[in-house]
Protein backbone atom coordinates (compact mmCIF):
# COMPACT_ATOMS: atom_id res chain seq x y z
CA UNK A 1 -25.74 -26.38 -20.89
CA UNK A 2 -22.47 -24.67 -19.55
CA UNK A 3 -19.37 -26.75 -19.34
CA UNK A 4 -17.91 -25.00 -15.51
CA UNK A 5 -14.13 -26.67 -16.23
CA UNK A 6 -14.09 -23.50 -19.28
CA UNK A 7 -13.14 -21.26 -16.16
CA UNK A 8 -10.57 -22.78 -15.09
CA UNK A 9 -9.32 -23.92 -18.72
CA UNK A 10 -9.26 -20.18 -19.71
CA UNK A 11 -6.91 -18.85 -17.20
CA UNK A 12 -4.12 -22.23 -17.55
CA UNK A 13 -4.83 -21.68 -21.27
CA UNK A 14 -3.69 -17.91 -20.55
CA UNK A 15 -0.87 -19.29 -18.69
CA UNK A 16 0.80 -21.49 -21.51
CA UNK A 17 0.06 -18.24 -23.97
CA UNK A 18 2.10 -16.34 -21.49
CA UNK A 19 4.64 -18.69 -21.21
CA UNK A 20 5.06 -18.91 -25.18
CA UNK A 21 4.80 -15.12 -25.63
CA UNK A 22 7.78 -13.29 -25.74
CA UNK A 23 7.87 -9.19 -25.28
CA UNK A 24 6.20 -7.15 -22.88
CA UNK A 25 3.40 -5.91 -25.34
CA UNK A 26 2.46 -9.37 -26.20
CA UNK A 27 2.69 -10.22 -22.01
CA UNK A 28 0.31 -7.94 -21.75
CA UNK A 29 -2.14 -8.56 -24.31
CA UNK A 30 -1.90 -12.49 -24.07
CA UNK A 31 -3.07 -11.41 -20.09
CA UNK A 32 -5.68 -8.55 -20.70
CA UNK A 33 -7.36 -10.99 -23.22
CA UNK A 34 -7.24 -13.96 -21.01
CA UNK A 35 -8.77 -11.67 -18.35
CA UNK A 36 -11.42 -10.21 -20.70
CA UNK A 37 -12.91 -13.95 -21.76
CA UNK A 38 -12.93 -14.95 -18.27
CA UNK A 39 -15.38 -12.06 -17.69
CA UNK A 40 -17.39 -12.61 -20.82
CA UNK A 41 -17.56 -16.36 -19.73
CA UNK A 42 -18.59 -15.29 -16.09
CA UNK A 43 -21.34 -13.00 -17.30
CA UNK A 44 -22.73 -15.75 -19.89
CA UNK A 45 -22.98 -17.88 -16.52
CA UNK A 46 -24.88 -15.46 -14.76
CA UNK A 47 -27.72 -15.06 -17.68
CA UNK A 48 -27.36 -19.35 -17.86
CA UNK A 49 -27.94 -19.51 -14.42
CA UNK A 50 -30.97 -17.41 -14.60
CA UNK A 51 -32.02 -19.19 -17.66
CA UNK A 52 -32.37 -22.49 -15.67
CA UNK A 53 -33.70 -20.54 -12.32
CA UNK A 54 -36.91 -19.55 -15.00
CA UNK A 55 -36.87 -23.15 -16.27
CA UNK A 56 -38.04 -24.20 -12.92
CA UNK A 57 -34.57 -26.17 -12.34
CA UNK A 58 -34.85 -26.67 -8.26
CA UNK A 59 -32.17 -28.18 -8.19
CA UNK A 60 -29.33 -27.35 -5.18
CA UNK A 61 -26.29 -26.99 -7.49
CA UNK A 62 -26.73 -26.69 -11.50
CA UNK A 63 -24.04 -27.82 -14.28
CA UNK A 64 -22.92 -30.45 -11.91
CA UNK A 65 -20.25 -32.31 -13.61
CA UNK A 66 -17.97 -35.58 -11.88
CA UNK A 67 -14.94 -37.25 -12.64
CA UNK A 68 -13.11 -40.09 -11.19
CA UNK A 69 -10.03 -38.41 -9.21
CA UNK A 70 -9.43 -41.21 -6.77
CA UNK A 71 -13.00 -43.69 -6.70
CA UNK A 72 -11.41 -45.94 -3.93
CA UNK A 73 -11.31 -43.41 -2.08
CA UNK A 74 -14.45 -41.77 -3.01
CA UNK A 75 -12.53 -39.03 -4.05
CA UNK A 76 -13.94 -37.07 -6.94
CA UNK A 77 -13.49 -34.15 -9.30
CA UNK A 78 -16.98 -32.58 -9.14
CA UNK A 79 -18.24 -29.23 -10.18
CA UNK A 80 -21.53 -27.64 -9.64
CA UNK A 81 -22.78 -24.01 -9.30
CA UNK A 82 -25.74 -22.30 -7.33
CA UNK A 83 -26.45 -18.56 -6.66
CA UNK A 84 -24.00 -18.14 -4.18
CA UNK A 85 -20.97 -19.51 -6.26
CA UNK A 86 -22.24 -17.78 -9.38
CA UNK A 87 -22.05 -14.20 -7.70
CA UNK A 88 -18.39 -15.49 -6.57
CA UNK A 89 -17.35 -15.88 -9.57
CA UNK A 90 -18.56 -12.69 -10.99
CA UNK A 91 -16.40 -11.08 -8.00
CA UNK A 92 -13.42 -13.28 -9.33
CA UNK A 93 -13.74 -12.25 -13.03
CA UNK A 94 -14.47 -8.23 -11.92
CA UNK A 95 -10.97 -8.37 -10.10
CA UNK A 96 -8.94 -9.79 -11.78
CA UNK A 97 -9.19 -8.10 -15.03
CA UNK A 98 -9.34 -4.37 -13.08
CA UNK A 99 -5.69 -5.91 -11.63
CA UNK A 100 -4.43 -6.95 -14.99
CA UNK A 101 -5.05 -3.23 -16.07
CA UNK A 102 -3.99 -1.81 -12.57
CA UNK A 103 -0.33 -3.63 -13.74
CA UNK A 104 0.10 -2.54 -17.22
CA UNK A 105 2.91 -0.91 -16.72
CA UNK A 106 4.66 -3.56 -14.72
CA UNK A 107 7.94 -4.38 -16.07
CA UNK A 108 9.59 -6.06 -13.85
CA UNK A 109 9.41 -9.94 -14.74
CA UNK A 110 6.17 -8.72 -16.36
CA UNK A 111 5.77 -12.39 -17.79
CA UNK A 112 5.92 -14.29 -14.69
CA UNK A 113 3.86 -11.52 -12.61
CA UNK A 114 0.74 -12.07 -14.67
CA UNK A 115 1.31 -15.96 -14.92
CA UNK A 116 0.90 -15.68 -10.77
CA UNK A 117 -1.78 -13.74 -11.41
CA UNK A 118 -3.74 -16.36 -13.64
CA UNK A 119 -2.90 -19.17 -11.16
CA UNK A 120 -4.65 -17.27 -9.07
CA UNK A 121 -7.57 -17.32 -10.74
CA UNK A 122 -7.63 -20.42 -11.50
CA UNK A 123 -7.52 -21.42 -8.09
CA UNK A 124 -10.35 -18.98 -7.13
CA UNK A 125 -12.49 -20.45 -10.11
CA UNK A 126 -11.77 -23.94 -9.30
CA UNK A 127 -12.32 -23.49 -5.31
CA UNK A 128 -16.20 -21.82 -6.03
CA UNK A 129 -17.25 -24.28 -8.46
CA UNK A 130 -16.12 -27.29 -6.51
CA UNK A 131 -18.96 -29.76 -4.88
CA UNK A 132 -16.06 -31.94 -3.76
CA UNK A 133 -14.70 -31.33 0.01
CA UNK A 134 -11.16 -32.50 -1.69
CA UNK A 135 -11.62 -30.54 -5.35
CA UNK A 136 -12.24 -27.68 -2.73
CA UNK A 137 -9.29 -28.35 -0.42
CA UNK A 138 -7.17 -28.77 -3.64
CA UNK A 139 -8.00 -25.07 -5.26
CA UNK A 140 -7.29 -23.61 -1.67
CA UNK A 141 -3.82 -24.47 -2.10
CA UNK A 142 -3.41 -23.54 -5.59
CA UNK A 143 -3.82 -19.99 -4.09
CA UNK A 144 -1.28 -19.81 -1.80
CA UNK A 145 2.08 -20.20 -3.65
CA UNK A 146 1.71 -17.66 -5.95
CA UNK A 147 0.70 -15.17 -3.10
CA UNK A 148 3.81 -15.67 -1.26
CA UNK A 149 6.03 -14.91 -4.79
CA UNK A 150 3.76 -11.81 -5.56
CA UNK A 151 4.46 -10.56 -2.26
CA UNK A 152 7.98 -12.12 -1.98
CA UNK A 153 9.67 -10.95 -5.38
CA UNK A 154 7.62 -7.93 -6.56
CA UNK A 155 6.31 -6.61 -2.98
CA UNK A 156 7.81 -3.53 -0.93
CA UNK A 157 8.78 -2.79 2.45
CA UNK A 158 9.32 -5.67 4.87
CA UNK A 159 8.08 -7.92 1.56
CA UNK A 160 9.81 -11.32 2.38
CA UNK A 161 8.33 -10.97 6.49
CA UNK A 162 5.07 -10.36 5.00
CA UNK A 163 5.03 -13.12 2.64
CA UNK A 164 6.57 -15.82 4.94
CA UNK A 165 4.41 -14.48 7.62
CA UNK A 166 1.14 -14.86 5.31
CA UNK A 167 2.58 -18.23 3.65
CA UNK A 168 2.98 -20.21 6.88
CA UNK A 169 -0.86 -18.47 8.84
CA UNK A 170 -2.44 -19.17 5.57
CA UNK A 171 -0.98 -23.17 5.59
CA UNK A 172 -1.67 -23.23 9.20
CA UNK A 173 -5.29 -22.65 8.30
CA UNK A 174 -5.26 -24.81 5.28
CA UNK A 175 -4.13 -27.49 8.58
CA UNK A 176 -6.88 -27.29 10.46
CA UNK A 177 -9.20 -27.45 7.49
CA UNK A 178 -7.45 -30.61 6.56
CA UNK A 179 -8.64 -31.95 9.99
CA UNK A 180 -11.81 -30.94 9.56
CA UNK A 181 -12.24 -32.67 6.55
CA UNK A 182 -10.61 -35.88 7.38
CA UNK A 183 -13.42 -36.02 10.40
CA UNK A 184 -16.51 -35.06 7.44
CA UNK A 185 -15.12 -38.16 5.57
CA UNK A 186 -15.06 -40.88 8.33
CA UNK A 187 -18.03 -39.74 10.09
CA UNK A 188 -19.93 -38.81 7.11
CA UNK A 189 -20.02 -41.73 5.18
CA UNK A 190 -16.79 -42.31 3.45
CA UNK A 191 -17.59 -39.58 1.07
CA UNK A 192 -16.39 -35.78 0.51
CA UNK A 193 -19.42 -35.19 -1.82
CA UNK A 194 -21.27 -31.82 -0.35
CA UNK A 195 -24.30 -32.57 -2.79
CA UNK A 196 -24.64 -36.02 -0.64
CA UNK A 197 -24.61 -33.95 2.75
CA UNK A 198 -28.59 -33.96 2.81
CA UNK A 199 -28.83 -38.35 3.28
CA UNK A 200 -25.94 -38.23 4.98
CA UNK A 201 -25.49 -37.22 8.50
CA UNK A 202 -22.34 -36.87 10.43
CA UNK A 203 -22.99 -37.41 13.96
CA UNK A 204 -23.41 -34.31 16.51
CA UNK A 205 -20.83 -35.68 18.83
CA UNK A 206 -17.97 -35.79 15.79
CA UNK A 207 -19.25 -32.67 14.85
CA UNK A 208 -19.17 -30.50 18.05
CA UNK A 209 -15.27 -32.13 17.99
CA UNK A 210 -14.62 -30.67 13.77
CA UNK A 211 -16.50 -28.04 13.29
CA UNK A 212 -14.06 -25.52 15.04
CA UNK A 213 -11.22 -26.95 12.74
CA UNK A 214 -13.14 -26.26 9.76
CA UNK A 215 -14.62 -22.83 10.95
CA UNK A 216 -11.25 -21.67 12.59
CA UNK A 217 -8.82 -22.53 9.30
CA UNK A 218 -11.39 -20.94 6.75
CA UNK A 219 -11.75 -18.18 9.59
CA UNK A 220 -7.95 -17.63 9.07
CA UNK A 221 -7.97 -16.95 5.46
CA UNK A 222 -11.34 -14.37 5.84
CA UNK A 223 -9.39 -12.15 8.83
CA UNK A 224 -11.25 -13.93 12.20
CA UNK A 225 -9.78 -12.26 14.97
CA UNK A 226 -7.21 -12.96 16.42
CA UNK A 227 -5.83 -15.02 13.27
CA UNK A 228 -6.07 -11.52 11.50
CA UNK A 229 -2.85 -10.10 12.15
CA UNK A 230 -1.28 -11.76 8.31
CA UNK A 231 -3.24 -9.35 6.96
CA UNK A 232 -1.89 -5.64 7.43
CA UNK A 233 1.71 -7.00 6.65
CA UNK A 234 0.44 -9.10 3.95
CA UNK A 235 -1.40 -6.01 2.18
CA UNK A 236 1.01 -3.20 3.08
CA UNK A 237 4.15 -5.24 1.36
CA UNK A 238 2.16 -6.53 -1.73
CA UNK A 239 2.54 -5.38 -4.85
CA UNK A 240 -1.37 -3.34 -5.98
CA UNK A 241 -2.72 -6.41 -8.08
CA UNK A 242 -1.94 -8.67 -5.32
CA UNK A 243 -3.36 -6.63 -3.02
CA UNK A 244 -6.25 -6.26 -5.21
CA UNK A 245 -6.48 -10.02 -5.43
CA UNK A 246 -5.90 -10.33 -1.32
CA UNK A 247 -8.52 -8.73 -0.25
CA UNK A 248 -11.02 -8.63 -2.84
CA UNK A 249 -11.10 -12.65 -3.52
CA UNK A 250 -8.80 -14.57 -1.21
CA UNK A 251 -10.41 -13.68 1.87
CA UNK A 252 -13.41 -14.43 0.50
CA UNK A 253 -12.23 -18.19 0.42
CA UNK A 254 -12.65 -17.98 3.94
CA UNK A 255 -15.83 -16.95 4.23
CA UNK A 256 -17.25 -18.78 1.51
CA UNK A 257 -16.10 -21.72 3.20
CA UNK A 258 -17.33 -21.63 6.33
CA UNK A 259 -20.66 -20.92 4.74
CA UNK A 260 -20.60 -23.70 2.60
CA UNK A 261 -18.44 -26.45 4.59
CA UNK A 262 -18.74 -25.69 7.85
CA UNK A 263 -22.19 -24.49 8.12
CA UNK A 264 -23.72 -26.49 5.81
CA UNK A 265 -22.34 -29.60 6.82
CA UNK A 266 -22.05 -29.47 10.58
CA UNK A 267 -25.42 -27.95 11.01
CA UNK A 268 -26.25 -28.93 14.78
CA UNK A 269 -22.34 -27.77 15.83
CA UNK A 270 -22.84 -24.65 14.30
CA UNK A 271 -25.91 -23.90 16.10
CA UNK A 272 -24.07 -24.81 19.38
CA UNK A 273 -21.36 -22.70 18.91
CA UNK A 274 -23.28 -19.78 17.08
CA UNK A 275 -22.66 -17.73 20.51
CA UNK A 276 -18.80 -18.23 20.15
CA UNK A 277 -19.10 -17.37 16.09
CA UNK A 278 -21.15 -13.63 16.70
CA UNK A 279 -18.95 -12.33 19.79
CA UNK A 280 -15.54 -13.38 17.73
CA UNK A 281 -17.37 -11.51 14.47
CA UNK A 282 -18.49 -9.03 16.86
CA UNK A 283 -14.98 -8.11 18.28
CA UNK A 284 -13.39 -8.59 15.15
CA UNK A 285 -15.38 -5.84 13.64
CA UNK A 286 -14.90 -3.24 16.59
CA UNK A 287 -11.08 -3.77 16.68
CA UNK A 288 -11.03 -3.68 12.67
CA UNK A 289 -13.03 0.17 13.17
CA UNK A 290 -10.57 1.00 15.76
CA UNK A 291 -7.36 -0.27 14.91
CA UNK A 292 -7.82 1.73 12.01
CA UNK A 293 -7.66 5.19 13.10
CA UNK A 294 -4.37 4.46 14.63
CA UNK A 295 -2.83 3.66 11.19
CA UNK A 296 -1.22 6.57 9.41
CA UNK A 297 -0.29 4.56 6.26
CA UNK A 298 -3.32 4.41 3.25
CA UNK A 299 -2.32 0.52 2.62
CA UNK A 300 -2.62 -0.16 6.49
CA UNK A 301 -5.66 1.77 6.36
CA UNK A 302 -7.31 -0.33 3.99
CA UNK A 303 -5.81 -4.04 5.65
CA UNK A 304 -7.05 -3.13 8.92
CA UNK A 305 -10.25 -2.05 7.25
CA UNK A 306 -10.75 -4.90 5.40
CA UNK A 307 -10.64 -7.13 9.18
CA UNK A 308 -13.53 -4.87 10.01
CA UNK A 309 -15.67 -5.39 7.05
CA UNK A 310 -15.11 -9.37 6.90
CA UNK A 311 -16.16 -9.23 10.77
CA UNK A 312 -19.73 -8.36 9.05
CA UNK A 313 -19.30 -11.29 7.04
CA UNK A 314 -18.43 -13.65 9.81
CA UNK A 315 -21.42 -11.61 12.03
CA UNK A 316 -23.90 -12.61 9.05
CA UNK A 317 -22.85 -16.24 8.87
CA UNK A 318 -22.92 -16.96 12.48
CA UNK A 319 -26.77 -15.25 12.66
CA UNK A 320 -27.91 -18.07 10.76
CA UNK A 321 -31.15 -16.80 9.49
CA UNK A 322 -31.54 -16.37 6.33
CA UNK A 323 -31.48 -12.41 6.24
CA UNK A 324 -28.38 -12.35 7.70
CA UNK A 325 -26.21 -15.55 5.56
CA UNK A 326 -27.77 -12.67 2.28
CA UNK A 327 -26.15 -10.16 3.76
CA UNK A 328 -22.99 -11.98 4.05
CA UNK A 329 -22.80 -13.39 0.81
CA UNK A 330 -23.55 -9.72 -0.35
CA UNK A 331 -21.14 -8.51 1.93
CA UNK A 332 -18.38 -10.63 1.00
CA UNK A 333 -19.00 -9.34 -3.08
CA UNK A 334 -19.51 -6.19 -1.91
CA UNK A 335 -16.03 -5.91 -0.17
CA UNK A 336 -14.39 -7.43 -2.69
CA UNK A 337 -15.03 -4.76 -5.13
CA UNK A 338 -14.93 -1.79 -3.10
CA UNK A 339 -11.47 -2.65 -1.23
CA UNK A 340 -10.16 -3.55 -4.85
CA UNK A 341 -11.14 -0.19 -5.80
CA UNK A 342 -9.69 1.12 -2.97
CA UNK A 343 -6.06 -0.68 -3.12
CA UNK A 344 -6.12 0.51 -6.89
CA UNK A 345 -6.50 4.08 -5.87
CA UNK A 346 -3.95 3.24 -3.32
CA UNK A 347 -1.35 2.05 -6.31
CA UNK A 348 -2.26 4.97 -7.90
CA UNK A 349 -1.33 7.79 -5.31
CA UNK A 350 1.97 5.25 -4.51
CA UNK A 351 3.00 5.52 -8.10
CA UNK A 352 3.11 8.69 -8.75
CA UNK A 353 4.28 10.61 -5.12
CA UNK A 354 6.39 7.36 -4.13
CA UNK A 355 4.71 7.77 -0.37
CA UNK A 356 1.33 6.04 1.31
CA UNK A 357 1.88 8.13 4.34
CA UNK A 358 -1.24 10.45 5.04
CA UNK A 359 0.76 13.21 6.61
CA UNK A 360 3.01 13.39 3.20
CA UNK A 361 -0.12 13.68 0.66
CA UNK A 362 -2.12 16.72 0.12
CA UNK A 363 -3.97 17.99 -2.76
CA UNK A 364 -4.57 15.19 -5.09
CA UNK A 365 -7.96 16.05 -5.88
CA UNK A 366 -6.37 18.86 -7.62
CA UNK A 367 -3.26 17.21 -8.94
CA UNK A 368 -4.88 14.58 -10.55
CA UNK A 369 -9.42 14.97 -9.96
CA UNK A 370 -10.01 11.58 -11.49
CA UNK A 371 -7.35 9.46 -8.99
CA UNK A 372 -8.83 11.79 -6.32
CA UNK A 373 -12.72 11.37 -7.24
CA UNK A 374 -12.14 7.24 -7.27
CA UNK A 375 -10.40 7.31 -3.62
CA UNK A 376 -12.93 9.43 -2.54
CA UNK A 377 -16.05 7.36 -3.90
CA UNK A 378 -14.00 4.03 -2.88
CA UNK A 379 -14.35 5.40 0.65
CA UNK A 380 -17.58 5.90 0.79
CA UNK A 381 -18.48 2.91 -0.38
CA UNK A 382 -16.66 1.73 2.90
CA UNK A 383 -18.47 3.94 5.38
CA UNK A 384 -21.81 2.65 3.70
CA UNK A 385 -22.93 5.59 1.87
CA UNK A 386 -26.75 4.59 0.37
CA UNK A 387 -26.90 3.98 -3.43
CA UNK A 388 -23.31 2.35 -3.44
CA UNK A 389 -22.99 -2.29 -2.04
CA UNK A 390 -21.42 -1.38 0.88
CA UNK A 391 -24.93 0.08 2.32
CA UNK A 392 -27.45 -2.76 0.41
CA UNK A 393 -24.60 -5.49 2.45
CA UNK A 394 -24.41 -4.11 5.75
CA UNK A 395 -28.03 -3.11 5.93
CA UNK A 396 -29.44 -6.43 5.28
CA UNK A 397 -26.52 -8.26 7.80
CA UNK A 398 -27.91 -5.89 10.57
CA UNK A 399 -31.57 -6.79 9.74
CA UNK A 400 -30.77 -10.24 10.13
CA UNK A 401 -29.00 -10.18 13.64
CA UNK A 402 -31.84 -7.89 14.48
CA UNK A 403 -34.19 -10.75 13.30
CA UNK A 404 -32.37 -13.41 15.56
CA UNK A 405 -33.81 -11.76 18.54
CA UNK A 406 -31.49 -13.14 21.42
CA UNK A 407 -30.18 -10.07 23.58
CA UNK A 408 -26.75 -10.82 22.88
CA UNK A 409 -27.07 -11.28 19.28
CA UNK A 410 -28.89 -7.84 18.86
CA UNK A 411 -25.95 -6.51 21.30
CA UNK A 412 -23.52 -7.58 18.84
CA UNK A 413 -25.54 -6.27 15.75
CA UNK A 414 -25.39 -2.62 18.04
CA UNK A 415 -21.97 -2.49 18.41
CA UNK A 416 -21.85 -3.50 14.43
CA UNK A 417 -23.81 -0.38 13.59
CA UNK A 418 -21.87 1.79 16.03
CA UNK A 419 -18.43 0.64 13.89
CA UNK A 420 -20.23 2.69 10.84
CA UNK A 421 -19.58 5.53 13.13
CA UNK A 422 -15.47 5.05 13.76
CA UNK A 423 -15.12 3.84 9.47
CA UNK A 424 -16.95 7.36 8.89
CA UNK A 425 -13.97 8.95 10.80
CA UNK A 426 -10.82 7.31 9.45
CA UNK A 427 -12.63 7.33 5.85
CA UNK A 428 -13.20 11.00 5.69
CA UNK A 429 -10.19 11.91 7.47
CA UNK A 430 -8.27 10.38 4.99
CA UNK A 431 -9.63 11.49 2.49
CA UNK A 432 -10.05 15.19 3.66
CA UNK A 433 -5.71 15.05 4.74
CA UNK A 434 -4.93 13.68 0.97
CA UNK A 435 -7.24 14.68 -1.48
CA UNK A 436 -8.37 17.75 -0.04
CA UNK A 437 -6.23 20.77 0.99
CA UNK A 438 -3.60 22.83 -0.65
CA UNK A 439 -1.04 21.12 -3.28
CA UNK A 440 2.10 20.46 -0.76
CA UNK A 441 4.76 20.13 -3.23
CA UNK A 442 5.29 21.58 -6.80
CA UNK A 443 5.84 18.51 -8.30
CA UNK A 444 2.59 17.68 -7.80
CA UNK A 445 1.30 20.11 -10.14
CA UNK A 446 2.98 18.01 -13.01
CA UNK A 447 1.31 14.59 -12.15
CA UNK A 448 -0.38 12.81 -14.98
CA UNK A 449 -3.91 12.04 -14.13
CA UNK A 450 -5.25 8.37 -14.65
CA UNK A 451 -3.99 6.59 -17.59
CA UNK A 452 -6.68 4.69 -19.82
CA UNK A 453 -5.66 0.98 -18.07
CA UNK A 454 -6.57 2.57 -14.69
CA UNK A 455 -9.59 4.15 -15.54
CA UNK A 456 -10.76 1.14 -16.87
CA UNK A 457 -9.92 -0.68 -13.54
CA UNK A 458 -11.45 1.80 -11.86
CA UNK A 459 -14.90 2.29 -14.15
CA UNK A 460 -15.32 -1.49 -13.91
CA UNK A 461 -15.22 -1.84 -10.15
CA UNK A 462 -17.46 1.00 -9.55
CA UNK A 463 -20.05 0.06 -12.19
CA UNK A 464 -19.90 -3.28 -9.99
CA UNK A 465 -20.41 -1.43 -6.57
CA UNK A 466 -23.37 0.84 -8.16
CA UNK A 467 -25.45 -1.92 -9.72
CA UNK A 468 -25.51 -3.84 -6.93
CA UNK A 469 -26.08 -0.57 -4.66
CA UNK A 470 -28.64 0.51 -7.27
CA UNK A 471 -30.66 -2.92 -8.20
CA UNK A 472 -29.04 -4.83 -5.48
CA UNK A 473 -32.15 -7.23 -6.82
CA UNK A 474 -29.66 -8.08 -9.72
CA UNK A 475 -27.37 -10.31 -6.93
CA UNK A 476 -30.31 -11.23 -4.75
CA UNK A 477 -32.49 -13.49 -7.16
CA UNK A 478 -29.41 -15.74 -7.64
CA UNK A 479 -28.72 -16.04 -4.56
CA UNK A 480 -31.83 -16.60 -2.74
CA UNK A 481 -32.11 -19.80 -3.91
CA UNK A 482 -29.17 -20.94 -2.38
CA UNK A 483 -29.39 -19.67 0.58
CA UNK A 484 -33.15 -21.24 1.01
CA UNK A 485 -31.11 -24.67 0.69
CA UNK A 486 -28.51 -23.58 3.46
CA UNK A 487 -31.39 -22.56 5.48
CA UNK A 488 -33.56 -25.78 5.25
CA UNK A 489 -30.43 -27.99 6.35
CA UNK A 490 -29.74 -24.98 8.92
CA UNK A 491 -32.80 -25.02 10.74
CA UNK A 492 -32.99 -29.07 10.46
CA UNK A 493 -29.81 -28.93 12.14
CA UNK A 494 -31.52 -26.39 14.98
CA UNK A 495 -34.28 -28.80 15.55
CA UNK A 496 -31.50 -31.91 16.22
CA UNK A 497 -29.76 -29.57 18.13
CA UNK A 498 -32.67 -28.31 20.44
CA UNK A 499 -33.95 -32.27 21.25
CA UNK A 500 -30.26 -32.99 21.87
CA UNK A 501 -30.31 -30.74 24.70
CA UNK A 502 -33.49 -31.86 25.98
């Protein structure tokens, strides 16, 4: 039996190891070793979960464990995973190892830098394995302070402003989530146990009050319009590895929370607010795409593009059907891999040219063929090229949106489809201007192409992108049971809402 607590313990042990060692080389080795062990454990969890499926285990969560935390208040440290959790854990492991490799040459306070990255990964693993709302909220908060410090200390540009803005907005989102959790606790049987949701029904009128707090709170983490403004500033000022983590994992915490906590625990309210969710998601998709067209900084291009792509996650969740929700989960994984790769490529370009402005860069494909190729592949995944993860994820969301049947929802789906054209324009324009064309400066010819560590990070993320694009069943086979359980509760909520309105 897999002990899920090891996933949290390894980053913590790595952190202690980083504190104990001296010297840059040893610091790198400890951080790299810890990240490799995380990936190995995540892959082992993937196969262990598949083995449970083949045994016919139909439990909603497997490998569950529970420890008393504050038992008099109904608070327990409670963990378990389903297919959705396993997919998010795999994503986390891929991005963390890639982030460590990209940061291999980090010399300024390297021990503290890798320590904070490690604490971020511990928070993410704990969040994705939590089956108790209090535990989930605890690990959500664990990740906020390291983000603030990573940007404020190792960032660039208006780093203090960006770090403060990110921290304040995410703390605001946390405050909304906390209000929603308190409502769930008092009107859900004085328990934070998500596994007890099937036996304890929260009154519909209370759901209508507290659902917006939960959904909007988690939505801030996933750049829900109009609370997305921390994303461009935070990403543009963050160091490369922090940008990879912010976009690749942290923004997925929000989408996961919207699905796992808000929609699953309050299905009647989810149906009642469905139109609002889909409208906000469609606005984010279109706004993010057109806002990206206006950007001239490569990091801002990827940041605003992330606002648009995360809109697909909320759109899939808002459709409240199995196909669309599967698409939302696939989009979370796909965007995590793709945007981490894009930020890694941008970081490689910036490290050599010392600029991120599109107008100042040209001919990088000639000067650094590997980096240029990685940049273009990341862009092609972003615009949904068949054979890559972006195509599979977005097409699944579109199919689910069209199956919803309602004219408003189908119109939102059409708008989302149309955004791909805009995405193609800004991706191809950015790639064409920076990677193609003549070499602008003579020193470009002296640039060294990607080192072993940068190549390793790129190959790791590209492997995830192509595996998901060419063999999506690798993920969908483990995701479907989790979404099936979720759909059963959502369907029951639909019936209850219909009877209430009648």
